[in-house]
Amino acid sequence: MTKPDFQQMTRKELKKYILTHPTDDEAIRELFINRRNPNVKVYPYPYDMPYEEVEAIFKSKLNQSES
């Protein structure tokens, strides 16, 4: 089986392909790494914060979204 040319696919086509092939790392890499917006704001991981504190923040955010 030959893989499609991900670089030639539109973003919509690529998303549809990934939905049907969720384990295709090459397609996922094309969508989320190669085609990411270069102007997007980056939030670096807070290395100076203890792991437990970061985990607590994530859990509280998840609980907010479930409510």
Protein backbone atom coordinates (compact mmCIF):
# COMPACT_ATOMS: atom_id res chain seq x y z
CA MET A 1 0.00 0.00 0.00
CA THR A 2 1.38 3.39 -0.93
CA LYS A 3 0.91 6.36 1.35
CA PRO A 4 -0.57 9.58 0.02
CA ASP A 5 1.61 12.63 -0.41
CA PHE A 6 0.78 14.51 2.79
CA GLN A 7 2.46 17.70 1.61
CA GLN A 8 0.07 17.91 -1.35
CA MET A 9 -3.05 17.35 0.76
CA THR A 10 -5.10 20.25 2.02
CA ARG A 11 -5.36 20.70 5.78
CA LYS A 12 -8.95 19.43 5.68
CA GLU A 13 -7.95 16.31 3.71
CA LEU A 14 -5.07 15.65 6.08
CA LYS A 15 -7.34 15.91 9.15
CA LYS A 16 -9.80 13.48 7.53
CA TYR A 17 -6.96 11.07 6.75
CA ILE A 18 -5.71 11.21 10.36
CA LEU A 19 -9.21 10.48 11.67
CA THR A 20 -9.22 7.25 9.67
CA HIS A 21 -5.51 6.47 10.31
CA PRO A 22 -4.86 7.69 13.89
CA THR A 23 -1.58 5.78 14.24
CA ASP A 24 0.10 7.24 11.15
CA ASP A 25 2.89 9.23 12.77
CA GLU A 26 4.06 10.68 9.47
CA ALA A 27 0.65 12.27 8.77
CA ILE A 28 0.34 13.54 12.33
CA ARG A 29 3.82 15.05 12.14
CA GLU A 30 2.91 16.82 8.89
CA LEU A 31 -0.22 18.35 10.40
CA PHE A 32 1.02 19.33 13.85
CA ILE A 33 4.74 19.97 13.30
CA ASN A 34 5.34 20.94 9.69
CA ARG A 35 2.16 22.99 9.28
CA ARG A 36 1.99 24.70 12.64
CA ASN A 37 1.46 28.44 12.71
CA PRO A 38 4.85 30.15 13.22
CA ASN A 39 3.12 33.10 14.91
CA VAL A 40 1.37 31.08 17.61
CA LYS A 41 2.18 32.06 21.17
CA VAL A 42 4.36 29.48 22.90
CA TYR A 43 3.91 28.66 26.56
CA PRO A 44 7.10 27.05 27.87
CA TYR A 45 6.95 24.40 30.54
CA PRO A 46 7.56 25.96 33.97
CA TYR A 47 10.75 24.08 34.87
CA ASP A 48 11.10 25.95 38.16
CA MET A 49 7.69 24.70 39.37
CA PRO A 50 7.43 21.36 41.22
CA TYR A 51 5.76 18.55 39.26
CA GLU A 52 3.01 18.19 41.86
CA GLU A 53 2.05 21.85 41.46
CA VAL A 54 1.89 21.57 37.67
CA GLU A 55 -0.21 18.42 38.01
CA ALA A 56 -2.60 20.20 40.38
CA ILE A 57 -3.04 23.04 37.87
CA PHE A 58 -3.85 20.60 35.07
CA LYS A 59 -6.32 18.69 37.22
CA SER A 60 -8.11 21.88 38.27
CA LYS A 61 -8.37 22.97 34.62
CA LEU A 62 -9.74 19.57 33.62
CA ASN A 63 -12.31 19.74 36.42
CA GLN A 64 -13.39 23.22 35.25
CA SER A 65 -13.98 22.01 31.70
CA GLU A 66 -16.12 19.10 32.94
CA SER A 67 -18.46 21.43 34.86
